[in-house]
Structure formats: structure tokens, C-alpha cells
PDB file of N, CA and C in Angstrom:
ATOM      1  N   MET A   1      -5.197  12.526  -8.366  1.00  0.00           N
ATOM      2  CA  MET A   1      -5.837  11.784  -7.589  1.00  0.00           C
ATOM      3  C   MET A   1      -5.302  12.267  -6.304  1.00  0.00           C
ATOM      4  N   HIS A   2      -4.161  12.076  -5.929  1.00  0.00           N
ATOM      5  CA  HIS A   2      -4.032  12.576  -4.471  1.00  0.00           C
ATOM      6  C   HIS A   2      -3.706  13.997  -4.134  1.00  0.00           C
ATOM      7  N   VAL A   3      -4.223  15.093  -5.297  1.00  0.00           N
ATOM      8  CA  VAL A   3      -4.895  16.430  -4.706  1.00  0.00           C
ATOM      9  C   VAL A   3      -6.724  16.496  -4.290  1.00  0.00           C
ATOM     10  N   ASP A   4      -7.195  15.136  -4.892  1.00  0.00           N
ATOM     11  CA  ASP A   4      -8.259  14.843  -4.094  1.00  0.00           C
ATOM     12  C   ASP A   4      -8.740  14.868  -2.513  1.00  0.00           C
ATOM     13  N   PRO A   5      -9.671  15.640  -2.387  1.00  0.00           N
ATOM     14  CA  PRO A   5      -9.959  15.944  -1.099  1.00  0.00           C
ATOM     15  C   PRO A   5     -10.313  14.593  -0.259  1.00  0.00           C
ATOM     16  N   ARG A   6     -10.998  13.771  -1.060  1.00  0.00           N
ATOM     17  CA  ARG A   6     -11.346  12.357  -0.434  1.00  0.00           C
ATOM     18  C   ARG A   6     -10.211  11.571  -0.361  1.00  0.00           C
ATOM     19  N   TRP A   7      -9.336  11.836  -0.629  1.00  0.00           N
ATOM     20  CA  TRP A   7      -7.926  11.084  -0.725  1.00  0.00           C
ATOM     21  C   TRP A   7      -7.101  11.330   0.810  1.00  0.00           C
ATOM     22  N   THR A   8      -7.131  12.866   0.303  1.00  0.00           N
ATOM     23  CA  THR A   8      -6.582  13.330   1.779  1.00  0.00           C
ATOM     24  C   THR A   8      -7.038  12.963   2.954  1.00  0.00           C
ATOM     25  N   ARG A   9      -8.536  13.059   2.908  1.00  0.00           N
ATOM     26  CA  ARG A   9      -8.988  12.733   4.277  1.00  0.00           C
ATOM     27  C   ARG A   9      -8.816  11.055   4.798  1.00  0.00           C
ATOM     28  N   LEU A  10      -9.035  10.503   3.494  1.00  0.00           N
ATOM     29  CA  LEU A  10      -8.708   8.821   3.705  1.00  0.00           C
ATOM     30  C   LEU A  10      -7.219   8.518   4.072  1.00  0.00           C
ATOM     31  N   SER A  11      -6.631   9.492   3.754  1.00  0.00           N
ATOM     32  CA  SER A  11      -5.099   8.825   4.025  1.00  0.00           C
ATOM     33  C   SER A  11      -4.822   9.472   5.526  1.00  0.00           C
ATOM     34  N   ARG A  12      -5.035  10.862   5.910  1.00  0.00           N
ATOM     35  CA  ARG A  12      -4.656  11.333   7.273  1.00  0.00           C
ATOM     36  C   ARG A  12      -5.605  10.284   8.291  1.00  0.00           C
ATOM     37  N   ARG A  13      -6.956  10.076   8.069  1.00  0.00           N
ATOM     38  CA  ARG A  13      -7.349   8.759   8.915  1.00  0.00           C
ATOM     39  C   ARG A  13      -6.948   7.581   9.046  1.00  0.00           C
ATOM     40  N   MET A  14      -6.628   7.197   8.057  1.00  0.00           N
ATOM     41  CA  MET A  14      -6.099   5.717   7.999  1.00  0.00           C
ATOM     42  C   MET A  14      -4.382   5.803   8.040  1.00  0.00           C
ATOM     43  N   ILE A  15      -3.803   6.671   8.279  1.00  0.00           N
ATOM     44  CA  ILE A  15      -2.088   6.724   8.917  1.00  0.00           C
ATOM     45  C   ILE A  15      -2.443   7.150  10.293  1.00  0.00           C
ATOM     46  N   ALA A  16      -3.563   7.830  10.891  1.00  0.00           N
ATOM     47  CA  ALA A  16      -3.753   8.259  11.872  1.00  0.00           C
ATOM     48  C   ALA A  16      -3.608   6.744  12.893  1.00  0.00           C
ATOM     49  N   ARG A  17      -4.721   5.921  12.529  1.00  0.00           N
ATOM     50  CA  ARG A  17      -5.428   4.694  13.188  1.00  0.00           C
ATOM     51  C   ARG A  17      -3.656   3.664  13.044  1.00  0.00           C
ATOM     52  N   HIS A  18      -3.007   4.088  12.203  1.00  0.00           N
ATOM     53  CA  HIS A  18      -2.443   2.583  11.916  1.00  0.00           C
ATOM     54  C   HIS A  18      -1.125   3.259  13.251  1.00  0.00           C
ATOM     55  N   VAL A  19      -0.621   4.732  12.991  1.00  0.00           N
ATOM     56  CA  VAL A  19       0.031   5.039  13.853  1.00  0.00           C
ATOM     57  C   VAL A  19      -0.437   4.910  15.455  1.00  0.00           C
ATOM     58  N   GLY A  20      -1.658   4.956  15.490  1.00  0.00           N
ATOM     59  CA  GLY A  20      -2.395   4.905  16.993  1.00  0.00           C
ATOM     60  C   GLY A  20      -2.159   3.251  17.499  1.00  0.00           C
ATOM     61  N   GLN A  21      -2.159   2.590  16.470  1.00  0.00           N
ATOM     62  CA  GLN A  21      -2.100   1.006  17.019  1.00  0.00           C
ATOM     63  C   GLN A  21      -0.663   0.680  16.745  1.00  0.00           C
ATOM     64  N   TYR A  22       0.513   0.974  15.888  1.00  0.00           N
ATOM     65  CA  TYR A  22       1.142   0.273  15.828  1.00  0.00           C
ATOM     66  C   TYR A  22       2.525   1.240  16.020  1.00  0.00           C
ATOM     67  N   GLY A  23       2.502   2.689  16.303  1.00  0.00           N
ATOM     68  CA  GLY A  23       3.458   3.830  16.070  1.00  0.00           C
ATOM     69  C   GLY A  23       3.569   4.085  14.852  1.00  0.00           C
ATOM     70  N   TRP A  24       5.125   4.900  14.686  1.00  0.00           N
ATOM     71  CA  TRP A  24       6.007   5.110  13.269  1.00  0.00           C
ATOM     72  C   TRP A  24       6.664   3.866  12.660  1.00  0.00           C
ATOM     73  N   VAL A  25       5.708   2.939  12.112  1.00  0.00           N
ATOM     74  CA  VAL A  25       6.336   1.772  11.781  1.00  0.00           C
ATOM     75  C   VAL A  25       6.083   1.551  10.183  1.00  0.00           C
ATOM     76  N   CYS A  26       6.627   1.259   9.107  1.00  0.00           N
ATOM     77  CA  CYS A  26       6.189   0.739   8.126  1.00  0.00           C
ATOM     78  C   CYS A  26       6.036  -0.761   8.582  1.00  0.00           C
ATOM     79  N   PRO A  27       4.749  -1.321   8.072  1.00  0.00           N
ATOM     80  CA  PRO A  27       4.775  -2.694   8.176  1.00  0.00           C
ATOM     81  C   PRO A  27       5.725  -3.855   7.513  1.00  0.00           C
ATOM     82  N   GLY A  28       5.936  -3.325   6.758  1.00  0.00           N
ATOM     83  CA  GLY A  28       7.113  -3.724   5.643  1.00  0.00           C
ATOM     84  C   GLY A  28       5.661  -4.235   4.467  1.00  0.00           C
ATOM     85  N   ASP A  29       7.288  -4.817   3.604  1.00  0.00           N
ATOM     86  CA  ASP A  29       6.278  -5.498   1.992  1.00  0.00           C
ATOM     87  C   ASP A  29       6.941  -6.575   1.685  1.00  0.00           C
ATOM     88  N   GLY A  30       6.859  -7.723   2.175  1.00  0.00           N
ATOM     89  CA  GLY A  30       7.575  -8.804   1.899  1.00  0.00           C
ATOM     90  C   GLY A  30       9.000  -9.088   2.890  1.00  0.00           C
ATOM     91  N   PRO A  31       9.722 -10.586   2.174  1.00  0.00           N
ATOM     92  CA  PRO A  31      10.805 -10.365   3.013  1.00  0.00           C
ATOM     93  C   PRO A  31      12.400  -9.232   2.720  1.00  0.00           C
ATOM     94  N   ASP A  32      12.273  -8.921   1.233  1.00  0.00           N
ATOM     95  CA  ASP A  32      13.045  -8.046   1.334  1.00  0.00           C
ATOM     96  C   ASP A  32      12.615  -6.579   1.425  1.00  0.00           C
ATOM     97  N   HIS A  33      11.581  -6.227   2.278  1.00  0.00           N
ATOM     98  CA  HIS A  33      11.450  -4.981   2.715  1.00  0.00           C
ATOM     99  C   HIS A  33      10.457  -5.145   4.185  1.00  0.00           C
ATOM    100  N   PRO A  34      11.325  -5.765   5.047  1.00  0.00           N
ATOM    101  CA  PRO A  34      10.975  -6.161   6.365  1.00  0.00           C
ATOM    102  C   PRO A  34      10.023  -4.772   7.309  1.00  0.00           C
ATOM    103  N   ALA A  35       9.241  -4.400   8.074  1.00  0.00           N
ATOM    104  CA  ALA A  35       9.229  -3.710   8.896  1.00  0.00           C
ATOM    105  C   ALA A  35       9.925  -2.917   9.592  1.00  0.00           C
ATOM    106  N   HIS A  36       9.723  -1.662   9.898  1.00  0.00           N
ATOM    107  CA  HIS A  36      10.678  -0.780  10.298  1.00  0.00           C
ATOM    108  C   HIS A  36      10.672   0.602  10.619  1.00  0.00           C
ATOM    109  N   PRO A  37      10.792   1.171  11.399  1.00  0.00           N
ATOM    110  CA  PRO A  37      10.466   2.471  12.130  1.00  0.00           C
ATOM    111  C   PRO A  37      10.789   3.734  11.031  1.00  0.00           C
ATOM    112  N   THR A  38       9.554   4.595  10.861  1.00  0.00           N
ATOM    113  CA  THR A  38       9.718   5.437  10.074  1.00  0.00           C
ATOM    114  C   THR A  38       8.977   6.627  10.399  1.00  0.00           C
ATOM    115  N   ARG A  39       8.972   7.831   9.798  1.00  0.00           N
ATOM    116  CA  ARG A  39       8.002   8.860  10.101  1.00  0.00           C
ATOM    117  C   ARG A  39       7.578   9.352   8.796  1.00  0.00           C
ATOM    118  N   ASP A  40       7.787   8.879   7.630  1.00  0.00           N
ATOM    119  CA  ASP A  40       7.205   8.733   6.518  1.00  0.00           C
ATOM    120  C   ASP A  40       6.240   8.120   6.201  1.00  0.00           C
ATOM    121  N   LEU A  41       4.999   8.122   6.095  1.00  0.00           N
ATOM    122  CA  LEU A  41       4.337   7.025   6.115  1.00  0.00           C
ATOM    123  C   LEU A  41       3.435   7.779   5.224  1.00  0.00           C
ATOM    124  N   THR A  42       2.897   6.707   4.104  1.00  0.00           N
ATOM    125  CA  THR A  42       2.012   7.363   3.243  1.00  0.00           C
ATOM    126  C   THR A  42       1.119   5.919   3.001  1.00  0.00           C
ATOM    127  N   LEU A  43      -0.361   6.413   2.317  1.00  0.00           N
ATOM    128  CA  LEU A  43      -1.409   5.493   2.063  1.00  0.00           C
ATOM    129  C   LEU A  43      -0.902   4.920   0.541  1.00  0.00           C
ATOM    130  N   ASP A  44      -1.329   4.007   0.490  1.00  0.00           N
ATOM    131  CA  ASP A  44      -1.201   2.856  -0.992  1.00  0.00           C
ATOM    132  C   ASP A  44      -2.035   1.940  -1.075  1.00  0.00           C
ATOM    133  N   HIS A  45      -2.730   1.961  -2.324  1.00  0.00           N
ATOM    134  CA  HIS A  45      -3.687   1.319  -2.673  1.00  0.00           C
ATOM    135  C   HIS A  45      -3.209  -0.163  -2.816  1.00  0.00           C
ATOM    136  N   VAL A  46      -3.669  -1.225  -2.637  1.00  0.00           N
ATOM    137  CA  VAL A  46      -3.465  -2.687  -2.342  1.00  0.00           C
ATOM    138  C   VAL A  46      -3.614  -2.912  -3.910  1.00  0.00           C
ATOM    139  N   VAL A  47      -4.725  -2.511  -4.448  1.00  0.00           N
ATOM    140  CA  VAL A  47      -5.034  -3.054  -6.085  1.00  0.00           C
ATOM    141  C   VAL A  47      -5.030  -1.523  -6.648  1.00  0.00           C
ATOM    142  N   ALA A  48      -3.857  -1.273  -7.496  1.00  0.00           N
ATOM    143  CA  ALA A  48      -3.958   0.095  -8.305  1.00  0.00           C
ATOM    144  C   ALA A  48      -5.320   0.492  -8.831  1.00  0.00           C
ATOM    145  N   ILE A  49      -5.315   1.911  -8.763  1.00  0.00           N
ATOM    146  CA  ILE A  49      -6.802   1.991  -9.593  1.00  0.00           C
ATOM    147  C   ILE A  49      -6.501   1.797 -11.427  1.00  0.00           C
ATOM    148  N   VAL A  50      -5.424   1.915 -11.869  1.00  0.00           N
ATOM    149  CA  VAL A  50      -5.173   1.883 -13.121  1.00  0.00           C
ATOM    150  C   VAL A  50      -5.474  -0.090 -13.389  1.00  0.00           C
ATOM    151  N   GLU A  51      -5.182  -0.425 -11.979  1.00  0.00           N
ATOM    152  CA  GLU A  51      -5.367  -2.094 -12.613  1.00  0.00           C
ATOM    153  C   GLU A  51      -7.212  -2.225 -12.044  1.00  0.00           C
ATOM    154  N   GLY A  52      -7.928  -1.533 -11.922  1.00  0.00           N
ATOM    155  CA  GLY A  52      -9.080  -1.529 -11.340  1.00  0.00           C
ATOM    156  C   GLY A  52      -9.766  -1.686 -10.029  1.00  0.00           C
ATOM    157  N   GLY A  53      -8.808  -1.226  -9.165  1.00  0.00           N
ATOM    158  CA  GLY A  53      -8.743  -0.900  -7.556  1.00  0.00           C
ATOM    159  C   GLY A  53      -9.580   0.173  -7.197  1.00  0.00           C
ATOM    160  N   ALA A  54     -10.352   0.253  -6.169  1.00  0.00           N
ATOM    161  CA  ALA A  54     -11.359   1.383  -5.774  1.00  0.00           C
ATOM    162  C   ALA A  54     -10.645   2.530  -5.027  1.00  0.00           C
ATOM    163  N   PRO A  55     -10.703   3.744  -5.971  1.00  0.00           N
ATOM    164  CA  PRO A  55      -9.906   4.706  -5.278  1.00  0.00           C
ATOM    165  C   PRO A  55      -9.966   5.241  -4.039  1.00  0.00           C
ATOM    166  N   PHE A  56     -11.422   5.132  -3.187  1.00  0.00           N
ATOM    167  CA  PHE A  56     -11.514   5.423  -1.913  1.00  0.00           C
ATOM    168  C   PHE A  56     -12.091   4.683  -1.040  1.00  0.00           C
ATOM    169  N   ASP A  57     -11.792   3.283  -1.308  1.00  0.00           N
ATOM    170  CA  ASP A  57     -12.238   2.586  -0.226  1.00  0.00           C
ATOM    171  C   ASP A  57     -11.220   1.925   0.761  1.00  0.00           C
ATOM    172  N   SER A  58     -11.314   2.412   1.911  1.00  0.00           N
ATOM    173  CA  SER A  58     -10.001   1.680   2.898  1.00  0.00           C
ATOM    174  C   SER A  58      -9.615   0.349   2.973  1.00  0.00           C
ATOM    175  N   ALA A  59     -10.351  -0.558   2.496  1.00  0.00           N
ATOM    176  CA  ALA A  59     -10.277  -1.731   2.220  1.00  0.00           C
ATOM    177  C   ALA A  59      -9.365  -2.174   1.232  1.00  0.00           C
ATOM    178  N   ASN A  60      -9.248  -1.304  -0.102  1.00  0.00           N
ATOM    179  CA  ASN A  60      -8.218  -0.987  -0.761  1.00  0.00           C
ATOM    180  C   ASN A  60      -7.086  -0.639  -0.349  1.00  0.00           C
ATOM    181  N   THR A  61      -6.412  -0.058   1.018  1.00  0.00           N
ATOM    182  CA  THR A  61      -5.755   0.901   1.166  1.00  0.00           C
ATOM    183  C   THR A  61      -4.758  -0.048   2.228  1.00  0.00           C
ATOM    184  N   ARG A  62      -3.450   0.359   2.213  1.00  0.00           N
ATOM    185  CA  ARG A  62      -2.676   0.044   3.356  1.00  0.00           C
ATOM    186  C   ARG A  62      -1.458   1.404   3.724  1.00  0.00           C
ATOM    187  N   VAL A  63      -0.677   0.978   4.476  1.00  0.00           N
ATOM    188  CA  VAL A  63       0.005   1.989   5.254  1.00  0.00           C
ATOM    189  C   VAL A  63       1.586   1.066   4.584  1.00  0.00           C
ATOM    190  N   LEU A  64       1.954   2.673   3.790  1.00  0.00           N
ATOM    191  CA  LEU A  64       3.756   1.893   3.761  1.00  0.00           C
ATOM    192  C   LEU A  64       4.699   3.052   4.014  1.00  0.00           C
ATOM    193  N   CYS A  65       5.784   2.684   3.675  1.00  0.00           N
ATOM    194  CA  CYS A  65       6.504   4.268   3.850  1.00  0.00           C
ATOM    195  C   CYS A  65       6.500   4.342   2.578  1.00  0.00           C
ATOM    196  N   ARG A  66       7.121   6.024   2.121  1.00  0.00           N
ATOM    197  CA  ARG A  66       6.878   6.331   1.259  1.00  0.00           C
ATOM    198  C   ARG A  66       7.933   5.883  -0.095  1.00  0.00           C
ATOM    199  N   SER A  67       9.244   5.504   0.578  1.00  0.00           N
ATOM    200  CA  SER A  67      10.179   4.817  -0.323  1.00  0.00           C
ATOM    201  C   SER A  67       9.367   3.444  -1.093  1.00  0.00           C
ATOM    202  N   ARG A  68       8.809   2.240  -0.127  1.00  0.00           N
ATOM    203  CA  ARG A  68       8.174   1.363  -0.648  1.00  0.00           C
ATOM    204  C   ARG A  68       7.040   1.443  -1.379  1.00  0.00           C
ATOM    205  N   ASN A  69       6.049   2.457  -0.982  1.00  0.00           N
ATOM    206  CA  ASN A  69       4.821   2.847  -1.749  1.00  0.00           C
ATOM    207  C   ASN A  69       5.469   3.588  -3.295  1.00  0.00           C
ATOM    208  N   SER A  70       6.730   4.372  -3.555  1.00  0.00           N
ATOM    209  CA  SER A  70       6.944   4.804  -4.805  1.00  0.00           C
ATOM    210  C   SER A  70       7.489   3.488  -5.602  1.00  0.00           C
ATOM    211  N   ALA A  71       8.438   2.799  -4.673  1.00  0.00           N
ATOM    212  CA  ALA A  71       9.046   1.726  -5.518  1.00  0.00           C
ATOM    213  C   ALA A  71       7.618   0.793  -6.113  1.00  0.00           C
ATOM    214  N   ASN A  72       6.674   0.639  -5.610  1.00  0.00           N
ATOM    215  CA  ASN A  72       6.098  -0.309  -5.832  1.00  0.00           C
ATOM    216  C   ASN A  72       5.236   0.406  -6.890  1.00  0.00           C
ATOM    217  N   GLY A  73       5.205   1.626  -6.762  1.00  0.00           N
ATOM    218  CA  GLY A  73       4.101   2.266  -8.025  1.00  0.00           C
ATOM    219  C   GLY A  73       5.196   2.112  -9.385  1.00  0.00           C
ATOM    220  N   ALA A  74       6.414   2.496  -9.294  1.00  0.00           N
ATOM    221  CA  ALA A  74       7.432   2.547 -10.191  1.00  0.00           C
ATOM    222  C   ALA A  74       7.462   1.008 -11.024  1.00  0.00           C
ATOM    223  N   ARG A  75       7.180  -0.191 -10.272  1.00  0.00           N
ATOM    224  CA  ARG A  75       7.770  -1.317 -10.610  1.00  0.00           C
ATOM    225  C   ARG A  75       6.402  -1.753 -11.734  1.00  0.00           C
ATOM    226  N   LEU A  76       5.022  -1.097 -11.289  1.00  0.00           N
ATOM    227  CA  LEU A  76       4.215  -1.325 -11.686  1.00  0.00           C
ATOM    228  C   LEU A  76       3.918  -0.612 -13.017  1.00  0.00           C
ATOM    229  N   ALA A  77       4.280   0.621 -13.024  1.00  0.00           N
ATOM    230  CA  ALA A  77       4.344   1.644 -14.315  1.00  0.00           C
ATOM    231  C   ALA A  77       5.332   1.011 -15.863  1.00  0.00           C
ATOM    232  N   ASN A  78       6.539   0.293 -14.649  1.00  0.00           N
ATOM    233  CA  ASN A  78       7.262  -0.244 -15.820  1.00  0.00           C
ATOM    234  C   ASN A  78       7.127  -1.749 -16.505  1.00  0.00           C
ATOM    235  N   ALA A  79       6.297  -2.601 -15.309  1.00  0.00           N
ATOM    236  CA  ALA A  79       5.799  -3.641 -16.225  1.00  0.00           C
ATOM    237  C   ALA A  79       5.046  -3.404 -17.050  1.00  0.00           C
ATOM    238  N   ARG A  80       3.629  -2.304 -16.787  1.00  0.00           N
ATOM    239  CA  ARG A  80       2.867  -2.228 -17.558  1.00  0.00           C
ATOM    240  C   ARG A  80       3.373  -1.593 -19.281  1.00  0.00           C
ATOM    241  N   ARG A  81       4.284  -0.756 -18.499  1.00  0.00           N
ATOM    242  CA  ARG A  81       5.107  -0.429 -19.912  1.00  0.00           C
ATOM    243  C   ARG A  81       5.887  -1.663 -21.046  1.00  0.00           C
ATOM    244  N   SER A  82       6.299  -2.465 -20.293  1.00  0.00           N
ATOM    245  CA  SER A  82       6.939  -3.147 -20.983  1.00  0.00           C
ATOM    246  C   SER A  82       6.321  -4.086 -21.445  1.00  0.00           C
ATOM    247  N   GLY A  83       5.226  -4.325 -20.900  1.00  0.00           N
ATOM    248  CA  GLY A  83       3.894  -5.240 -21.346  1.00  0.00           C
ATOM    249  C   GLY A  83       3.764  -6.304 -20.550  1.00  0.00           C
ATOM    250  N   ASN A  84       4.989  -7.027 -19.677  1.00  0.00           N
ATOM    251  CA  ASN A  84       4.926  -7.477 -18.600  1.00  0.00           C
ATOM    252  C   ASN A  84       3.579  -8.213 -18.072  1.00  0.00           C
ATOM    253  N   VAL A  85       3.414  -9.210 -17.984  1.00  0.00           N
ATOM    254  CA  VAL A  85       2.036  -9.620 -17.322  1.00  0.00           C
ATOM    255  C   VAL A  85       2.037  -9.816 -15.802  1.00  0.00           C
ATOM    256  N   LEU A  86       1.307  -8.660 -15.329  1.00  0.00           N
ATOM    257  CA  LEU A  86       1.034  -9.096 -13.516  1.00  0.00           C
ATOM    258  C   LEU A  86       0.645 -10.270 -12.959  1.00  0.00           C
ATOM    259  N   PRO A  87       0.416 -10.404 -11.485  1.00  0.00           N
ATOM    260  CA  PRO A  87       0.006 -11.452 -11.224  1.00  0.00           C
ATOM    261  C   PRO A  87      -1.511 -11.004 -10.842  1.00  0.00           C
ATOM    262  N   PRO A  88      -2.537 -12.077 -11.140  1.00  0.00           N
ATOM    263  CA  PRO A  88      -3.902 -11.765 -11.204  1.00  0.00           C
ATOM    264  C   PRO A  88      -4.162 -11.013  -9.595  1.00  0.00           C
ATOM    265  N   VAL A  89      -4.978  -9.858  -9.719  1.00  0.00           N
ATOM    266  CA  VAL A  89      -5.651  -9.139  -8.604  1.00  0.00           C
ATOM    267  C   VAL A  89      -5.646 -10.129  -7.343  1.00  0.00           C
ATOM    268  N   ALA A  90      -6.198 -11.237  -7.177  1.00  0.00           N
ATOM    269  CA  ALA A  90      -7.162 -12.058  -6.618  1.00  0.00           C
ATOM    270  C   ALA A  90      -5.258 -12.794  -5.813  1.00  0.00           C
ATOM    271  N   GLN A  91      -4.319 -12.786  -6.901  1.00  0.00           N
ATOM    272  CA  GLN A  91      -3.312 -13.236  -5.755  1.00  0.00           C
ATOM    273  C   GLN A  91      -2.556 -12.450  -5.215  1.00  0.00           C
ATOM    274  N   VAL A  92      -2.672 -11.047  -5.852  1.00  0.00           N
ATOM    275  CA  VAL A  92      -1.967 -10.320  -4.825  1.00  0.00           C
ATOM    276  C   VAL A  92      -2.475  -9.757  -3.787  1.00  0.00           C
ATOM    277  N   LEU A  93      -3.869  -9.747  -3.277  1.00  0.00           N
ATOM    278  CA  LEU A  93      -4.644  -9.361  -2.609  1.00  0.00           C
ATOM    279  C   LEU A  93      -4.278 -10.464  -1.725  1.00  0.00           C
ATOM    280  N   ASP A  94      -4.246 -11.847  -1.963  1.00  0.00           N
ATOM    281  CA  ASP A  94      -4.024 -13.092  -0.952  1.00  0.00           C
ATOM    282  C   ASP A  94      -2.672 -12.850  -0.702  1.00  0.00           C
ATOM    283  N   GLU A  95      -1.769 -12.630  -1.126  1.00  0.00           N
ATOM    284  CA  GLU A  95      -0.369 -12.241  -0.783  1.00  0.00           C
ATOM    285  C   GLU A  95      -0.359 -11.369   0.251  1.00  0.00           C
ATOM    286  N   ARG A  96      -0.742  -9.982   0.101  1.00  0.00           N
ATOM    287  CA  ARG A  96      -0.762  -8.874   1.058  1.00  0.00           C
ATOM    288  C   ARG A  96      -1.629  -9.352   2.311  1.00  0.00           C
ATOM    289  N   ALA A  97      -2.294  -9.867   2.166  1.00  0.00           N
ATOM    290  CA  ALA A  97      -3.313 -10.660   3.466  1.00  0.00           C
ATOM    291  C   ALA A  97      -2.729 -11.285   4.250  1.00  0.00           C
ATOM    292  N   GLN A  98      -1.926 -12.260   3.722  1.00  0.00           N
ATOM    293  CA  GLN A  98      -0.838 -13.265   4.357  1.00  0.00           C
ATOM    294  C   GLN A  98       0.447 -12.028   5.066  1.00  0.00           C
ATOM    295  N   LEU A  99       0.694 -11.505   4.169  1.00  0.00           N
ATOM    296  CA  LEU A  99       1.493 -10.240   5.169  1.00  0.00           C
ATOM    297  C   LEU A  99       1.175  -9.487   5.997  1.00  0.00           C
ATOM    298  N   ARG A 100      -0.110  -9.104   6.052  1.00  0.00           N
ATOM    299  CA  ARG A 100      -0.487  -8.081   6.828  1.00  0.00           C
ATOM    300  C   ARG A 100      -0.874  -8.808   8.003  1.00  0.00           C
ATOM    301  N   ALA A 101      -1.235 -10.159   8.196  1.00  0.00           N
ATOM    302  CA  ALA A 101      -1.814 -11.282   9.005  1.00  0.00           C
ATOM    303  C   ALA A 101      -0.315 -11.482   9.803  1.00  0.00           C
ATOM    304  N   ARG A 102       0.735 -11.582   8.979  1.00  0.00           N
ATOM    305  CA  ARG A 102       1.846 -11.607  10.012  1.00  0.00           C
ATOM    306  C   ARG A 102       2.497 -10.852  10.405  1.00  0.00           C
ATOM    307  N   PHE A 103       2.170  -9.632  10.234  1.00  0.00           N
ATOM    308  CA  PHE A 103       2.131  -8.250  10.975  1.00  0.00           C
ATOM    309  C   PHE A 103       1.660  -7.589  12.041  1.00  0.00           C
ATOM    310  N   LEU A 104       0.358  -8.492  11.669  1.00  0.00           N
ATOM    311  CA  LEU A 104      -0.144  -8.234  12.996  1.00  0.00           C
ATOM    312  C   LEU A 104      -0.573  -8.967  14.058  1.00  0.00           C
ATOM    313  N   GLY A 105      -0.567 -10.127  13.037  1.00  0.00           N
ATOM    314  CA  GLY A 105      -0.237 -11.238  14.238  1.00  0.00           C
ATOM    315  C   GLY A 105      -0.031 -11.217  15.572  1.00  0.00           C
TER     316      GLY A 105
END
């Protein structure tokens, strides 16, 4: 997936847009991961592809620091392996929209 040129173009475009608006800052991802400066930004899928998220839709992406993006991916993989039920996609999107609104506020 991440070697797909469409993902590379989308990632570069969205990160450049984010940096142009907010600088080199991870917007954070909840109270345990607040916004902070970083030069290591990545593009994250809001709804993971394995959960039915659109792989190349900019509306299904957000900018995060690499460490948080990796941690979220690991948490999703571990939950799937252990059979834990994850929150419904609509709930995840609503929570992330609220976080984004606070950051952009």
C-alpha cells in the first residue's frame, strides 16, 4: 500500500498542506497524546483499510507523528488478533472530528 505512487502523492500533498497551515506540529490524538512539534509527520488513515476505509480518499486521512501513527496501527492489529471488538467506524470518525475541531478551533 505505502509503495503505491497514489499514496505517496497523497501523503506528500496532505503533509505539505498541514505544514503550510500549522507548521511542523503533530496535532495530537487525544488527551494522552497532545499536539507537539515534530519533523517526523506521516499520513494516517482515519478508518483503516482493513476496516473498510478508502485507501486514497483525502477525507479518510489525517496527519500524525510517526510514533502515534505506528502505535495506532499496532493497537488495531493487536485488537484484531485478540478478537477484541473495536468501536464502530461512525463513533471513531465522530471522536476524531471532535479532536480535529479542537485543534483547528
